[in-house]
């Protein structure tokens, strides 16, 4: 069993997770103005990503440039990993590769705690990625605990590139914001990601 094998029900049953749905956990957040570089990149890649049917295309052409922008905005005080193995406890299925993982560490050669944001890319059906993302968040929580980090929330996101659904794991409570935020306005989306990776994530997940 690996992250991709998990459903929401399996995560809740195996790890005692309680879900709270349709409730936002975001405070009022000031938008982050995207750089001209990001705007130019997305102008070029967005139509291509929409035309191509694969998750890989959405991941590389939309999600990756946005997360790189977040890292740049935070003055590279966070590390970004893509397609990295993140096996924490294979005995309970917490093993496999994460699409994107953000750590509040400047170490880029290997994943260090605290892991603050996990992002899973899906073609169109965001619901299909919920169990996988939740399992990765549980793994991140355990990873941080094993490293002696204070107990803080872990954040997650399932994204089609055009739509972004955010989650928060605090203790055994998983809050799922079912609003499904759009790529536009881009500044609002960047603001949320920066908040999770920065001040909010200082207490922690991408």
Protein backbone atom coordinates (compact mmCIF):
# COMPACT_ATOMS: atom_id res chain seq x y z
CA UNK A 1 0.00 0.00 0.00
CA UNK A 2 1.20 3.52 -0.82
CA UNK A 3 -0.19 7.05 -0.76
CA UNK A 4 -1.98 6.57 -4.08
CA UNK A 5 -3.92 3.61 -2.67
CA UNK A 6 -5.63 5.64 0.05
CA UNK A 7 -9.21 6.81 -0.03
CA UNK A 8 -10.63 9.36 2.38
CA UNK A 9 -12.37 6.53 4.24
CA UNK A 10 -9.15 4.53 4.61
CA UNK A 11 -7.30 7.54 6.01
CA UNK A 12 -10.05 8.21 8.55
CA UNK A 13 -10.28 4.58 9.62
CA UNK A 14 -6.58 3.76 9.79
CA UNK A 15 -5.34 6.98 11.42
CA UNK A 16 -8.39 8.11 13.39
CA UNK A 17 -8.80 11.28 11.38
CA UNK A 18 -11.93 13.37 11.89
CA UNK A 19 -12.94 15.52 8.92
CA UNK A 20 -14.62 18.92 8.98
CA UNK A 21 -15.90 20.01 5.58
CA UNK A 22 -17.03 23.22 3.93
CA UNK A 23 -15.23 25.43 6.41
CA UNK A 24 -12.46 27.80 5.45
CA UNK A 25 -9.43 28.10 7.68
CA UNK A 26 -7.94 31.09 5.89
CA UNK A 27 -7.87 34.48 7.62
CA UNK A 28 -8.14 37.64 5.57
CA UNK A 29 -5.09 37.45 3.33
CA UNK A 30 -3.46 40.24 1.34
CA UNK A 31 -2.96 39.18 -2.29
CA UNK A 32 0.61 38.68 -3.51
CA UNK A 33 1.24 40.49 -6.76
CA UNK A 34 2.69 37.96 -9.23
CA UNK A 35 6.00 38.83 -10.84
CA UNK A 36 6.13 39.76 -14.50
CA UNK A 37 8.15 36.58 -15.01
CA UNK A 38 5.38 34.34 -13.66
CA UNK A 39 2.73 36.18 -15.66
CA UNK A 40 4.76 35.76 -18.83
CA UNK A 41 5.41 32.07 -18.15
CA UNK A 42 1.73 31.30 -17.50
CA UNK A 43 0.65 33.27 -20.56
CA UNK A 44 2.74 30.83 -22.56
CA UNK A 45 2.13 27.58 -20.67
CA UNK A 46 -1.50 27.83 -19.54
CA UNK A 47 -3.12 27.29 -22.97
CA UNK A 48 -0.80 24.35 -23.57
CA UNK A 49 -1.54 22.81 -20.18
CA UNK A 50 -5.30 23.14 -20.75
CA UNK A 51 -5.00 21.47 -24.15
CA UNK A 52 -2.93 18.52 -22.87
CA UNK A 53 -4.90 15.88 -20.94
CA UNK A 54 -2.24 14.59 -18.55
CA UNK A 55 -1.65 15.35 -14.88
CA UNK A 56 2.04 15.69 -15.69
CA UNK A 57 1.32 18.60 -18.05
CA UNK A 58 -0.76 20.44 -15.44
CA UNK A 59 1.93 19.79 -12.86
CA UNK A 60 4.86 21.01 -14.92
CA UNK A 61 3.23 23.87 -16.80
CA UNK A 62 0.99 25.46 -14.16
CA UNK A 63 1.61 24.24 -10.62
CA UNK A 64 5.40 24.12 -10.67
CA UNK A 65 5.93 27.75 -11.82
CA UNK A 66 3.48 28.96 -9.16
CA UNK A 67 5.27 27.09 -6.34
CA UNK A 68 8.65 28.35 -7.57
CA UNK A 69 7.20 31.87 -7.37
CA UNK A 70 6.13 31.24 -3.76
CA UNK A 71 9.64 30.08 -2.87
CA UNK A 72 11.11 33.16 -4.55
CA UNK A 73 8.69 35.48 -2.71
CA UNK A 74 9.74 33.90 0.60
CA UNK A 75 13.37 34.69 -0.27
CA UNK A 76 14.20 30.99 -0.71
CA UNK A 77 13.73 30.34 3.00
CA UNK A 78 11.66 27.28 2.08
CA UNK A 79 12.67 24.27 -0.01
CA UNK A 80 10.60 22.82 -2.83
CA UNK A 81 10.63 19.16 -3.89
CA UNK A 82 8.94 17.65 -6.93
CA UNK A 83 8.41 13.94 -7.51
CA UNK A 84 10.39 13.08 -4.39
CA UNK A 85 10.08 9.82 -2.47
CA UNK A 86 8.59 10.56 0.95
CA UNK A 87 8.43 7.24 2.74
CA UNK A 88 7.75 7.79 6.43
CA UNK A 89 6.22 4.50 7.62
CA UNK A 90 5.81 1.83 4.95
CA UNK A 91 4.24 -0.57 7.47
CA UNK A 92 1.03 1.50 7.43
CA UNK A 93 1.20 2.58 3.81
CA UNK A 94 2.78 5.98 4.35
CA UNK A 95 5.16 5.57 1.45
CA UNK A 96 5.54 6.70 -2.12
CA UNK A 97 6.20 9.80 -4.16
CA UNK A 98 4.65 13.23 -3.60
CA UNK A 99 3.97 15.52 -6.54
CA UNK A 100 5.15 18.58 -4.61
CA UNK A 101 6.37 19.06 -1.08
CA UNK A 102 7.43 22.28 0.63
CA UNK A 103 9.59 22.32 3.74
CA UNK A 104 10.32 25.26 5.96
CA UNK A 105 14.01 24.61 5.62
CA UNK A 106 16.56 26.01 3.21
CA UNK A 107 18.07 22.53 2.68
CA UNK A 108 17.42 21.54 -0.93
CA UNK A 109 19.45 18.30 -1.14
CA UNK A 110 17.11 16.27 1.06
CA UNK A 111 13.78 16.74 2.81
CA UNK A 112 14.12 18.24 6.26
CA UNK A 113 11.48 19.13 8.83
CA UNK A 114 9.20 20.84 9.17
CA UNK A 115 7.28 19.79 6.08
CA UNK A 116 4.54 22.37 5.68
CA UNK A 117 2.64 21.97 2.39
CA UNK A 118 1.89 19.04 0.10
CA UNK A 119 0.35 19.56 -3.34
CA UNK A 120 -1.15 16.80 -5.48
CA UNK A 121 -1.89 17.37 -9.15
CA UNK A 122 -4.99 15.82 -10.72
CA UNK A 123 -6.33 16.10 -14.26
CA UNK A 124 -9.87 17.26 -13.51
CA UNK A 125 -11.43 15.22 -10.70
CA UNK A 126 -10.09 16.81 -7.54
CA UNK A 127 -12.06 14.37 -5.38
CA UNK A 128 -9.94 11.50 -6.71
CA UNK A 129 -6.82 12.97 -5.09
CA UNK A 130 -8.25 13.67 -1.65
CA UNK A 131 -7.33 10.37 0.01
CA UNK A 132 -3.78 10.49 -1.34
CA UNK A 133 -3.24 14.08 -0.20
CA UNK A 134 -4.64 13.35 3.27
CA UNK A 135 -2.35 10.34 3.66
CA UNK A 136 0.65 12.45 2.67
CA UNK A 137 -0.36 15.06 5.23
CA UNK A 138 -0.53 12.40 7.96
CA UNK A 139 2.94 11.28 6.88
CA UNK A 140 4.22 14.86 7.05
CA UNK A 141 2.78 15.25 10.53
CA UNK A 142 4.58 12.10 11.67
CA UNK A 143 7.78 13.14 9.90
CA UNK A 144 7.77 16.44 11.77
CA UNK A 145 7.04 14.72 15.09
CA UNK A 146 9.88 12.24 14.57
CA UNK A 147 12.21 15.18 14.01
CA UNK A 148 11.15 16.71 17.34
CA UNK A 149 9.22 19.60 15.83
CA UNK A 150 6.48 21.25 17.92
CA UNK A 151 2.98 20.04 17.05
CA UNK A 152 1.76 22.42 14.35
CA UNK A 153 -0.73 22.20 11.46
CA UNK A 154 0.19 20.64 8.14
CA UNK A 155 -1.41 21.97 4.96
CA UNK A 156 -2.30 20.21 1.75
CA UNK A 157 -3.77 20.97 -1.63
CA UNK A 158 -5.24 19.01 -4.51
CA UNK A 159 -5.11 20.96 -7.73
CA UNK A 160 -6.09 20.57 -11.36
CA UNK A 161 -4.01 23.64 -12.10
CA UNK A 162 -7.15 25.68 -12.72
CA UNK A 163 -8.84 24.76 -9.43
CA UNK A 164 -7.21 24.43 -6.00
CA UNK A 165 -8.75 22.73 -2.95
CA UNK A 166 -7.02 23.29 0.39
CA UNK A 167 -6.82 21.11 3.51
CA UNK A 168 -5.46 21.56 7.00
CA UNK A 169 -4.44 18.81 9.44
CA UNK A 170 -4.24 19.84 13.08
CA UNK A 171 -3.88 16.93 15.50
CA UNK A 172 -6.38 14.36 14.23
CA UNK A 173 -8.70 17.00 12.75
CA UNK A 174 -8.71 17.43 8.97
CA UNK A 175 -10.44 20.60 7.75
CA UNK A 176 -11.39 20.54 4.08
CA UNK A 177 -12.21 23.84 2.42
CA UNK A 178 -14.60 22.80 -0.35
CA UNK A 179 -14.70 26.20 -2.00
CA UNK A 180 -12.23 25.12 -4.72
CA UNK A 181 -10.35 28.34 -5.44
CA UNK A 182 -9.66 29.37 -9.03
CA UNK A 183 -6.29 30.09 -10.57
CA UNK A 184 -7.53 33.63 -11.16
CA UNK A 185 -7.13 36.05 -9.58
CA UNK A 186 -3.58 34.76 -9.35
CA UNK A 187 -2.62 37.18 -6.58
CA UNK A 188 -5.24 35.69 -4.25
CA UNK A 189 -3.97 32.17 -4.86
CA UNK A 190 -0.36 33.22 -4.30
CA UNK A 191 -1.37 34.95 -1.09
CA UNK A 192 -2.89 31.75 0.29
CA UNK A 193 0.14 29.65 -0.63
CA UNK A 194 2.56 32.19 0.84
CA UNK A 195 0.50 32.31 4.04
CA UNK A 196 0.61 28.52 4.40
CA UNK A 197 4.34 28.30 3.69
CA UNK A 198 5.27 31.38 5.62
CA UNK A 199 3.73 32.66 8.84
CA UNK A 200 1.04 29.99 9.16
CA UNK A 201 3.47 27.29 8.20
CA UNK A 202 5.99 28.62 10.68
CA UNK A 203 3.93 26.57 12.82
CA UNK A 204 4.33 23.63 10.69
CA UNK A 205 2.97 21.29 4.52
CA UNK A 206 1.86 21.69 -1.51
